[in-house]
Amino acid sequence: MHEKCGVVGISLDGREAARPLYYSLYALQHRGQESAGIVTHDGFQQYEHVEMGLVGDAFDSEDLAALNGPQGIGHIRYPTEGGVNECCAQPFSVSFKSGSLGLAHNGNLVNADEVRDTLAALGHAFTSAGDTEVIAHDLARNLLEADLVRAVKSTMDRIHGSYSLTIMHDETVLGVRDPQGNRPLVLGELDDGYVLASESAAVDTLDGELIRDVKPGELIVLSPDGAGYDSYQLIDAPQTAHCFFEHVYFARPDSILNDELVYDVRRELGRQLWEESGIETDVVMPVPDSGRAFASGYAEAATEAGAGTEFAEGLMKNRYVGRTFIMPTQDERERAVRLKLNPIKSTIRGRTVTIIDDSVVRGTTSTQLVSLLRDAGAEEIHMRVGSPPIVAPCYLGIDMASRDELIAADMTIEEIEAEIEADSLAYLSIDAITEALNRSRADLCLGCVTGEYPYDVEGEATDRDVTRPTVGRETSHGD
């Protein structure tokens, strides 16, 4: 799986927004590494700088100095739609009769082609295959006919799928979360303004205070002077569809999403993993880095149950090697695992081992890990996974393998165990996920582990009610 994207929006009282946006993007770098961009506004005109690559490579001091204005939005991207190229890098910005518009998008629309075709028939010309440009064109068209709030509402009625958006219309910064809350978005307060971001870690980086999650279907409008914000609950959905994988893998462990510290959730998932499928071994170790919190919770639960299991780091990660799933061929992915992870033989040799990972996608990494541990002298290797088997692709913003590549799509757990040559293999149940997140199945997006999606996807089953009644509540905050 590839990361999704990260968005941020900032409105300050006079201070330049470029550097705070830059620092925020650094805090969200784990969500995408293909491109980075910032758009700002100084009250008179819009400025932008968008480049391919990591945040630190995309900007230098001169770039930031040229981004004038106390308001702005930013984006880091891993592409799930539109490809890897400069034309699809974000924020996407346009100038039109009603002013300037910048838009940053985390998520994926399921009806982008339909909306694009409709707009193209009306004369809109598109420069990319991405769904973000579709949202920008639709919003720009609506802004010609309605005020800002009504224009956003009309666009939300038109588009379907997952999205958290930061938008800048002239000097006004907005945040929008899709009606089912599939993608995260939080609101924070700074000493001299407000910030919207994909994760609270970005707010922490700016020494800000987390206020709350943006609600599903909510529009937040930041005051141009940084003095406050207005809240409009534009759409109410009968159910939410929070992506459970944000808590399992994507979000930083120090982020707070949906009022839960991600690290605590992962530790609880590890405890649940012990309760469901714990096995006493000499040592339990994580797959670094994402398996660490799971292994910690698992080992703690094992100790409380009287098992003589030691928690230890048995694999060291080479942090200068790219993620294995980015490698384009199977041979390269297998080679990358050997480059990326090296066993600590003194921890492993002659011992029984439980290894904890957050997920298993293709099974390549798991097979290589078991082989590494065998070569290092492990007597037994038991693998435990902190999520259910991934049996279906994601259409809502995670660039996941196709069904043909998903090892659990057409293999039983017993068959996967034999394939990776582990002594035993067990996954966490969906019930354990819902318990740890304190949410019902109906309020989570579990499409990748059930094949049932919160929106109708061509060729896929769905059992979700997507009726979306509208409301019109408005709340003002700040001075």
Protein backbone atom coordinates (compact mmCIF):
# COMPACT_ATOMS: atom_id res chain seq x y z
CA MET A 1 0.00 0.00 0.00
CA HIS A 2 1.08 3.50 -0.73
CA GLU A 3 0.27 6.42 1.48
CA LYS A 4 -2.52 8.72 0.54
CA CYS A 5 -1.94 12.47 0.66
CA GLY A 6 -1.64 15.20 3.25
CA VAL A 7 -3.30 18.61 3.24
CA VAL A 8 -2.90 21.72 5.34
CA GLY A 9 -4.45 25.20 5.42
CA ILE A 10 -3.39 28.17 7.54
CA SER A 11 -4.74 31.68 8.21
CA LEU A 12 -2.61 34.00 10.35
CA ASP A 13 -2.83 37.53 11.71
CA GLY A 14 -0.25 39.24 9.51
CA ARG A 15 2.59 36.71 9.78
CA GLU A 16 3.74 35.05 6.56
CA ALA A 17 2.18 31.59 6.18
CA ALA A 18 4.80 29.99 3.93
CA ARG A 19 7.15 28.66 6.62
CA PRO A 20 4.38 27.31 8.90
CA LEU A 21 2.95 25.56 5.84
CA TYR A 22 6.40 24.17 5.01
CA TYR A 23 6.86 22.83 8.54
CA SER A 24 3.36 21.33 8.48
CA LEU A 25 4.10 19.50 5.24
CA TYR A 26 7.26 18.11 6.79
CA ALA A 27 5.11 16.74 9.63
CA LEU A 28 2.87 15.06 7.06
CA GLN A 29 5.64 13.75 4.80
CA HIS A 30 4.81 10.15 5.71
CA ARG A 31 1.53 10.51 3.82
CA GLY A 32 3.18 11.04 0.45
CA GLN A 33 6.60 11.51 -1.10
CA GLU A 34 5.99 12.23 -4.80
CA SER A 35 5.31 15.96 -4.80
CA ALA A 36 4.89 18.93 -2.49
CA GLY A 37 3.28 22.30 -3.01
CA ILE A 38 2.17 25.53 -1.35
CA VAL A 39 -0.21 28.25 -2.53
CA THR A 40 -0.50 31.55 -0.63
CA HIS A 41 -2.40 34.83 -0.96
CA ASP A 42 -1.43 38.30 0.28
CA GLY A 43 -4.83 39.94 -0.17
CA PHE A 44 -4.00 41.09 -3.69
CA GLN A 45 -2.72 38.09 -5.60
CA GLN A 46 -2.05 34.37 -5.34
CA TYR A 47 1.43 32.81 -5.26
CA GLU A 48 2.32 29.17 -5.80
CA HIS A 49 5.24 26.78 -5.78
CA VAL A 50 4.73 23.10 -6.59
CA GLU A 51 7.52 20.61 -7.26
CA MET A 52 8.05 16.88 -7.57
CA GLY A 53 9.88 15.15 -4.72
CA LEU A 54 10.11 15.41 -0.93
CA VAL A 55 9.30 18.60 0.96
CA GLY A 56 12.97 19.31 1.69
CA ASP A 57 13.83 18.97 -2.00
CA ALA A 58 10.84 20.89 -3.33
CA PHE A 59 11.52 24.16 -1.43
CA ASP A 60 14.51 26.30 -0.61
CA SER A 61 14.65 29.59 1.29
CA GLU A 62 14.15 31.63 -1.87
CA ASP A 63 11.05 29.64 -2.79
CA LEU A 64 9.52 30.26 0.63
CA ALA A 65 10.40 33.97 0.55
CA ALA A 66 8.50 34.33 -2.73
CA LEU A 67 5.31 32.86 -1.24
CA ASN A 68 3.79 36.04 0.17
CA GLY A 69 0.77 36.36 2.39
CA PRO A 70 -0.62 35.29 5.77
CA GLN A 71 -3.00 32.72 4.27
CA GLY A 72 -2.20 29.58 2.35
CA ILE A 73 -2.71 25.89 1.72
CA GLY A 74 -0.27 23.05 1.19
CA HIS A 75 -0.19 19.49 -0.09
CA ILE A 76 2.04 16.44 -0.18
CA ARG A 77 1.05 13.69 -2.56
CA TYR A 78 1.21 10.06 -3.30
CA PRO A 79 -0.88 9.56 -6.44
CA THR A 80 -3.89 7.26 -6.38
CA GLU A 81 -5.45 8.97 -9.41
CA GLY A 82 -3.82 10.93 -12.20
CA GLY A 83 -0.34 9.39 -12.27
CA VAL A 84 3.09 10.56 -11.15
CA ASN A 85 3.80 13.79 -13.00
CA GLU A 86 3.95 17.53 -12.49
CA CYS A 87 0.53 18.24 -13.99
CA CYS A 88 -1.12 16.25 -11.18
CA ALA A 89 0.96 17.75 -8.35
CA GLN A 90 -1.01 19.89 -5.92
CA PRO A 91 -2.35 22.29 -4.74
CA PHE A 92 -4.23 22.73 -7.99
CA SER A 93 -4.76 26.43 -8.68
CA VAL A 94 -6.85 28.38 -11.17
CA SER A 95 -7.77 31.99 -11.81
CA PHE A 96 -11.26 32.78 -13.05
CA LYS A 97 -13.85 35.52 -13.21
CA SER A 98 -14.68 35.34 -9.49
CA GLY A 99 -11.05 35.40 -8.30
CA SER A 100 -8.31 32.90 -7.63
CA LEU A 101 -8.75 29.38 -6.33
CA GLY A 102 -6.34 26.84 -4.87
CA LEU A 103 -7.35 23.33 -3.83
CA ALA A 104 -5.54 20.46 -2.09
CA HIS A 105 -7.19 17.04 -1.93
CA ASN A 106 -6.67 13.89 0.14
CA GLY A 107 -8.88 11.06 -1.04
CA ASN A 108 -10.43 9.66 -4.19
CA LEU A 109 -13.71 10.30 -6.00
CA VAL A 110 -15.69 7.38 -7.36
CA ASN A 111 -17.61 9.51 -9.90
CA ALA A 112 -14.80 11.74 -11.18
CA ASP A 113 -15.19 10.58 -14.80
CA GLU A 114 -18.91 11.33 -14.77
CA VAL A 115 -18.41 14.84 -13.37
CA ARG A 116 -15.49 15.51 -15.74
CA ASP A 117 -17.58 14.50 -18.76
CA THR A 118 -20.41 16.81 -17.66
CA LEU A 119 -18.05 19.77 -17.20
CA ALA A 120 -16.23 19.06 -20.46
CA ALA A 121 -19.57 19.19 -22.29
CA LEU A 122 -20.04 22.66 -20.78
CA GLY A 123 -16.72 23.82 -22.20
CA HIS A 124 -14.26 23.10 -19.36
CA ALA A 125 -10.79 22.07 -20.53
CA PHE A 126 -8.76 19.75 -18.31
CA THR A 127 -4.98 19.53 -18.07
CA SER A 128 -4.72 16.32 -16.02
CA ALA A 129 -6.43 13.00 -15.43
CA GLY A 130 -6.69 13.63 -11.68
CA ASP A 131 -9.91 14.01 -9.74
CA THR A 132 -8.63 17.10 -7.88
CA GLU A 133 -8.91 19.19 -11.04
CA VAL A 134 -12.49 17.97 -11.40
CA ILE A 135 -13.34 19.30 -7.93
CA ALA A 136 -11.61 22.63 -8.66
CA HIS A 137 -13.48 23.14 -11.95
CA ASP A 138 -16.82 22.28 -10.41
CA LEU A 139 -16.25 24.62 -7.47
CA ALA A 140 -15.06 27.44 -9.73
CA ARG A 141 -18.19 27.09 -11.84
CA ASN A 142 -20.41 27.18 -8.75
CA LEU A 143 -18.63 30.27 -7.45
CA LEU A 144 -19.80 32.15 -10.56
CA GLU A 145 -23.39 31.61 -9.47
CA ALA A 146 -23.39 31.45 -5.66
CA ASP A 147 -21.64 32.64 -2.52
CA LEU A 148 -18.78 30.63 -1.07
CA VAL A 149 -20.78 28.39 1.27
CA ARG A 150 -23.48 27.59 -1.26
CA ALA A 151 -20.88 26.93 -3.93
CA VAL A 152 -19.09 24.41 -1.70
CA LYS A 153 -22.41 22.78 -0.84
CA SER A 154 -23.27 22.41 -4.54
CA THR A 155 -19.91 20.78 -5.24
CA MET A 156 -20.33 18.41 -2.30
CA ASP A 157 -23.72 17.39 -3.68
CA ARG A 158 -22.09 16.65 -7.04
CA ILE A 159 -18.99 14.68 -6.05
CA HIS A 160 -19.00 11.28 -4.40
CA GLY A 161 -16.19 9.44 -2.68
CA SER A 162 -13.57 10.26 -0.09
CA TYR A 163 -12.10 13.72 0.33
CA SER A 164 -10.59 16.05 2.83
CA LEU A 165 -9.95 19.39 1.16
CA THR A 166 -8.14 22.56 2.03
CA ILE A 167 -9.23 25.36 -0.28
CA MET A 168 -8.18 28.95 -0.72
CA HIS A 169 -10.54 31.36 -2.49
CA ASP A 170 -8.61 34.61 -2.71
CA GLU A 171 -7.47 35.18 0.89
CA THR A 172 -10.09 32.91 2.52
CA VAL A 173 -8.96 29.44 3.63
CA LEU A 174 -11.50 26.61 3.92
CA GLY A 175 -11.51 23.03 5.10
CA VAL A 176 -14.03 20.43 3.93
CA ARG A 177 -14.44 16.81 4.98
CA ASP A 178 -16.48 14.29 3.01
CA PRO A 179 -19.96 13.46 4.40
CA GLN A 180 -18.86 10.08 5.73
CA GLY A 181 -15.55 11.25 7.15
CA ASN A 182 -13.49 8.69 5.26
CA ARG A 183 -10.40 10.90 5.21
CA PRO A 184 -9.13 12.67 8.35
CA LEU A 185 -9.02 16.44 8.85
CA VAL A 186 -8.41 18.33 12.09
CA LEU A 187 -8.68 21.93 13.27
CA GLY A 188 -6.07 23.57 15.47
CA GLU A 189 -5.43 26.96 17.03
CA LEU A 190 -2.14 28.87 16.94
CA ASP A 191 -1.10 31.95 18.87
CA ASP A 192 -1.93 34.14 15.88
CA GLY A 193 -4.36 32.11 13.82
CA TYR A 194 -5.83 28.73 12.92
CA VAL A 195 -4.70 25.65 11.03
CA LEU A 196 -6.42 22.79 9.22
CA ALA A 197 -4.42 19.62 8.61
CA SER A 198 -4.73 15.92 7.82
CA GLU A 199 -3.27 15.00 11.21
CA SER A 200 -2.77 16.66 14.58
CA ALA A 201 0.99 16.04 14.34
CA ALA A 202 1.12 19.05 11.99
CA VAL A 203 -0.60 21.20 14.62
CA ASP A 204 1.90 20.02 17.22
CA THR A 205 4.79 20.96 14.93
CA LEU A 206 3.53 24.56 14.92
CA ASP A 207 3.19 24.62 18.73
CA GLY A 208 -0.55 24.81 18.27
CA GLU A 209 -3.44 23.34 20.21
CA LEU A 210 -5.73 20.73 18.69
CA ILE A 211 -9.33 21.89 18.84
CA ARG A 212 -11.12 18.91 17.30
CA ASP A 213 -11.67 16.82 14.22
CA VAL A 214 -13.54 18.49 11.39
CA LYS A 215 -16.88 16.71 11.34
CA PRO A 216 -17.98 14.60 8.38
CA GLY A 217 -19.84 16.85 5.95
CA GLU A 218 -18.59 20.02 7.67
CA LEU A 219 -17.15 23.17 6.11
CA ILE A 220 -14.73 25.27 8.18
CA VAL A 221 -14.07 28.84 6.98
CA LEU A 222 -11.04 30.50 8.58
CA SER A 223 -11.20 34.26 9.08
CA PRO A 224 -8.74 36.08 6.78
CA ASP A 225 -7.32 37.95 9.78
CA GLY A 226 -6.67 34.73 11.72
CA ALA A 227 -9.10 35.80 14.43
CA GLY A 228 -11.57 32.92 14.28
CA TYR A 229 -13.50 30.51 12.12
CA ASP A 230 -17.05 29.71 11.01
CA SER A 231 -18.49 26.22 10.92
CA TYR A 232 -21.19 25.06 8.50
CA GLN A 233 -22.59 21.55 8.76
CA LEU A 234 -23.51 21.25 5.10
CA ILE A 235 -24.35 17.55 4.85
CA ASP A 236 -25.37 14.96 7.42
CA ALA A 237 -24.96 11.30 6.45
CA PRO A 238 -26.79 8.50 8.27
CA GLN A 239 -23.47 6.70 8.77
CA THR A 240 -19.79 7.53 8.81
CA ALA A 241 -17.14 5.56 6.95
CA HIS A 242 -13.90 6.29 8.80
CA CYS A 243 -10.96 4.49 7.21
CA PHE A 244 -9.78 2.01 9.84
CA PHE A 245 -6.37 1.80 8.16
CA GLU A 246 -5.57 5.33 9.28
CA HIS A 247 -5.29 3.90 12.80
CA VAL A 248 -3.62 0.66 11.72
CA TYR A 249 -0.94 2.03 9.41
CA PHE A 250 -1.16 5.44 7.76
CA ALA A 251 -1.33 8.04 10.51
CA ARG A 252 1.65 8.96 12.65
CA PRO A 253 1.51 7.22 16.06
CA ASP A 254 1.62 10.61 17.82
CA SER A 255 -1.44 11.93 15.96
CA ILE A 256 -4.91 12.14 17.44
CA LEU A 257 -7.67 11.08 15.06
CA ASN A 258 -11.34 10.89 15.98
CA ASP A 259 -10.38 11.74 19.59
CA GLU A 260 -8.05 8.73 19.84
CA LEU A 261 -4.25 8.77 20.09
CA VAL A 262 -3.11 6.50 17.26
CA TYR A 263 -0.32 4.97 19.37
CA ASP A 264 -2.79 3.95 22.09
CA VAL A 265 -5.12 2.41 19.51
CA ARG A 266 -2.30 0.35 18.03
CA ARG A 267 -1.22 -0.87 21.46
CA GLU A 268 -4.81 -1.90 22.16
CA LEU A 269 -4.94 -3.71 18.83
CA GLY A 270 -1.80 -5.56 19.89
CA ARG A 271 -3.43 -6.54 23.17
CA GLN A 272 -6.47 -7.78 21.26
CA LEU A 273 -4.15 -9.78 19.01
CA TRP A 274 -2.77 -11.60 22.06
CA GLU A 275 -6.27 -12.25 23.39
CA GLU A 276 -7.39 -13.74 20.07
CA SER A 277 -4.33 -15.66 18.93
CA GLY A 278 -1.48 -15.27 21.42
CA ILE A 279 1.19 -17.93 21.50
CA GLU A 280 3.95 -18.16 24.09
CA THR A 281 7.39 -17.80 22.53
CA ASP A 282 10.80 -16.76 23.83
CA VAL A 283 10.64 -13.37 22.15
CA VAL A 284 8.10 -11.10 20.44
CA MET A 285 9.46 -8.52 18.02
CA PRO A 286 7.97 -5.90 15.71
CA VAL A 287 8.47 -5.34 12.02
CA PRO A 288 9.87 -1.81 12.15
CA ASP A 289 8.52 0.73 12.32
CA SER A 290 4.77 0.33 11.99
CA GLY A 291 4.57 -2.94 13.95
CA ARG A 292 6.21 -1.51 17.07
CA ALA A 293 3.13 -0.31 18.98
CA PHE A 294 1.25 -3.53 18.15
CA ALA A 295 4.14 -5.66 19.44
CA SER A 296 4.38 -3.57 22.60
CA GLY A 297 0.70 -4.11 23.41
CA TYR A 298 0.90 -7.79 22.50
CA ALA A 299 3.94 -8.36 24.74
CA GLU A 300 2.37 -6.47 27.64
CA ALA A 301 -0.80 -8.58 27.42
CA ALA A 302 1.33 -11.72 27.22
CA THR A 303 3.23 -10.74 30.38
CA GLU A 304 -0.01 -9.99 32.22
CA ALA A 305 -1.25 -13.46 31.24
CA GLY A 306 1.86 -15.04 32.77
CA ALA A 307 3.63 -15.88 29.52
CA GLY A 308 7.40 -15.77 29.66
CA THR A 309 7.70 -13.72 26.50
CA GLU A 310 10.38 -11.05 26.08
CA PHE A 311 9.77 -7.95 23.96
CA ALA A 312 12.87 -7.22 21.86
CA GLU A 313 13.98 -5.45 18.71
CA GLY A 314 15.14 -8.23 16.43
CA LEU A 315 15.15 -6.40 13.11
CA MET A 316 17.04 -3.23 12.31
CA LYS A 317 15.78 -0.97 9.54
CA ASN A 318 17.94 0.75 6.98
CA ARG A 319 16.16 4.12 6.79
CA TYR A 320 17.81 5.05 3.51
CA VAL A 321 16.03 2.40 1.49
CA GLY A 322 12.68 3.13 -0.11
CA ARG A 323 9.52 1.30 0.80
CA THR A 324 9.40 -2.18 -0.70
CA PHE A 325 5.98 -1.77 -2.32
CA ILE A 326 7.26 1.12 -4.45
CA MET A 327 9.58 -1.28 -6.30
CA PRO A 328 7.99 -2.03 -9.70
CA THR A 329 8.85 -5.73 -10.01
CA GLN A 330 8.58 -8.69 -7.68
CA ASP A 331 12.32 -9.43 -7.87
CA GLU A 332 13.14 -5.86 -6.87
CA ARG A 333 10.68 -5.98 -3.97
CA GLU A 334 12.30 -9.17 -2.67
CA ARG A 335 15.79 -7.67 -2.97
CA ALA A 336 14.62 -4.49 -1.23
CA VAL A 337 13.48 -6.41 1.85
CA ARG A 338 17.03 -7.72 2.29
CA LEU A 339 18.41 -4.22 1.86
CA LYS A 340 15.87 -2.72 4.22
CA LEU A 341 15.90 -5.07 7.22
CA ASN A 342 18.77 -6.84 8.97
CA PRO A 343 18.26 -9.33 11.83
CA ILE A 344 19.96 -9.07 15.22
CA LYS A 345 21.12 -12.66 15.39
CA SER A 346 21.83 -12.71 19.12
CA THR A 347 18.15 -11.95 19.76
CA ILE A 348 16.95 -14.66 17.42
CA ARG A 349 19.39 -17.58 17.30
CA GLY A 350 18.11 -20.70 19.05
CA ARG A 351 14.85 -19.05 20.16
CA THR A 352 11.19 -19.24 19.32
CA VAL A 353 9.98 -15.97 17.83
CA THR A 354 6.67 -14.16 17.34
CA ILE A 355 6.91 -11.39 14.77
CA ILE A 356 4.23 -8.68 14.66
CA ASP A 357 3.34 -6.71 11.53
CA ASP A 358 0.54 -4.21 10.95
CA SER A 359 -0.69 -5.78 7.71
CA VAL A 360 0.09 -8.23 4.93
CA VAL A 361 -0.62 -7.14 1.35
CA ARG A 362 1.19 -9.17 -1.32
CA GLY A 363 2.96 -11.44 1.15
CA THR A 364 6.38 -10.70 -0.34
CA THR A 365 7.72 -8.98 2.75
CA SER A 366 6.31 -11.64 5.08
CA THR A 367 7.94 -14.43 3.09
CA GLN A 368 11.28 -12.65 3.13
CA LEU A 369 11.02 -11.88 6.87
CA VAL A 370 10.41 -15.51 7.73
CA SER A 371 13.39 -16.47 5.56
CA LEU A 372 15.57 -13.85 7.27
CA LEU A 373 14.67 -15.15 10.70
CA ARG A 374 15.24 -18.78 9.67
CA ASP A 375 18.68 -17.84 8.38
CA ALA A 376 19.36 -16.03 11.65
CA GLY A 377 18.75 -19.24 13.59
CA ALA A 378 15.16 -18.96 14.86
CA GLU A 379 13.78 -22.31 16.02
CA GLU A 380 10.14 -21.37 15.43
CA ILE A 381 8.56 -18.36 13.71
CA HIS A 382 4.98 -17.35 14.46
CA MET A 383 3.54 -14.38 12.62
CA ARG A 384 0.75 -12.19 14.01
CA VAL A 385 -0.89 -9.41 12.00
CA GLY A 386 -2.55 -6.34 13.55
CA SER A 387 -5.35 -6.14 10.96
CA PRO A 388 -7.70 -8.53 9.15
CA PRO A 389 -6.70 -10.14 5.83
CA ILE A 390 -6.79 -7.66 2.93
CA VAL A 391 -9.03 -9.28 0.34
CA ALA A 392 -10.06 -6.38 -1.90
CA PRO A 393 -8.60 -3.16 -3.36
CA CYS A 394 -9.32 0.32 -2.05
CA TYR A 395 -11.11 2.84 -4.25
CA LEU A 396 -11.13 5.69 -1.75
CA GLY A 397 -7.56 6.96 -1.66
CA ILE A 398 -5.17 4.12 -0.83
CA ASP A 399 -3.05 2.92 -3.73
CA MET A 400 -3.38 -0.73 -2.83
CA ALA A 401 -2.41 -3.74 -4.90
CA SER A 402 -4.88 -5.19 -7.38
CA ARG A 403 -6.93 -8.22 -6.43
CA ASP A 404 -4.59 -10.46 -8.39
CA GLU A 405 -1.67 -9.28 -6.22
CA LEU A 406 -3.42 -9.51 -2.83
CA ILE A 407 -2.29 -12.74 -1.22
CA ALA A 408 -5.47 -13.07 0.89
CA ALA A 409 -7.84 -12.47 -2.03
CA ASP A 410 -7.88 -16.13 -3.06
CA MET A 411 -5.94 -17.94 -0.33
CA THR A 412 -7.02 -19.10 3.12
CA ILE A 413 -5.02 -18.17 6.19
CA GLU A 414 -3.71 -21.74 6.31
CA GLU A 415 -2.57 -21.47 2.69
CA ILE A 416 -0.87 -18.14 3.35
CA GLU A 417 0.87 -19.65 6.38
CA ALA A 418 2.24 -22.40 4.15
CA GLU A 419 3.17 -19.89 1.44
CA ILE A 420 5.27 -17.72 3.76
CA GLU A 421 6.61 -20.84 5.54
CA ALA A 422 5.71 -19.65 9.06
CA ASP A 423 5.05 -22.09 11.87
CA SER A 424 1.77 -20.29 12.50
CA LEU A 425 -0.06 -17.23 11.22
CA ALA A 426 -3.00 -15.32 12.66
CA TYR A 427 -4.71 -12.05 11.80
CA LEU A 428 -6.69 -9.69 13.99
CA SER A 429 -10.47 -9.93 13.61
CA ILE A 430 -12.77 -7.16 12.41
CA ASP A 431 -14.56 -7.32 15.77
CA ALA A 432 -11.30 -6.47 17.53
CA ILE A 433 -10.86 -3.47 15.23
CA THR A 434 -14.32 -2.15 16.02
CA GLU A 435 -13.80 -2.68 19.74
CA ALA A 436 -10.45 -0.89 19.79
CA LEU A 437 -11.87 2.06 17.82
CA ASN A 438 -15.10 2.02 19.81
CA ARG A 439 -17.14 2.16 16.60
CA SER A 440 -19.60 -0.16 14.90
CA ARG A 441 -18.89 -1.83 11.60
CA ALA A 442 -21.49 0.44 10.03
CA ASP A 443 -19.43 3.52 10.88
CA LEU A 444 -16.11 2.26 9.48
CA CYS A 445 -14.89 1.77 5.94
CA LEU A 446 -13.82 -1.88 5.84
CA GLY A 447 -13.92 -2.31 2.08
CA CYS A 448 -10.40 -3.72 1.77
CA VAL A 449 -11.13 -6.49 4.30
CA THR A 450 -14.77 -7.18 3.40
CA GLY A 451 -15.19 -6.16 -0.26
CA GLU A 452 -18.14 -3.95 0.76
CA TYR A 453 -17.71 -0.21 0.21
CA PRO A 454 -19.46 2.89 1.56
CA TYR A 455 -20.17 4.12 -1.99
CA ASP A 456 -21.33 2.18 -5.02
CA VAL A 457 -18.26 1.16 -6.99
CA GLU A 458 -18.66 -0.34 -10.44
CA GLY A 459 -18.01 -4.07 -10.28
CA GLU A 460 -18.00 -4.17 -6.47
CA ALA A 461 -20.67 -5.05 -3.92
CA THR A 462 -21.96 -2.54 -1.40
CA ASP A 463 -24.36 -2.81 1.49
CA ARG A 464 -24.20 0.79 2.64
CA ASP A 465 -27.00 3.36 2.69
CA VAL A 466 -25.60 6.57 1.20
CA THR A 467 -28.69 8.76 1.53
CA ARG A 468 -27.42 12.19 2.53
CA PRO A 469 -30.00 14.62 3.96
CA THR A 470 -28.79 18.20 4.21
CA VAL A 471 -28.85 20.67 7.06
CA GLY A 472 -27.79 24.28 7.44
CA ARG A 473 -26.28 24.87 10.85
CA GLU A 474 -23.74 27.65 11.19
CA THR A 475 -21.47 28.43 14.12
CA SER A 476 -18.93 31.24 14.51
CA HIS A 477 -15.82 31.05 16.71
CA GLY A 478 -13.08 33.46 17.65
CA ASP A 479 -13.02 37.20 18.07
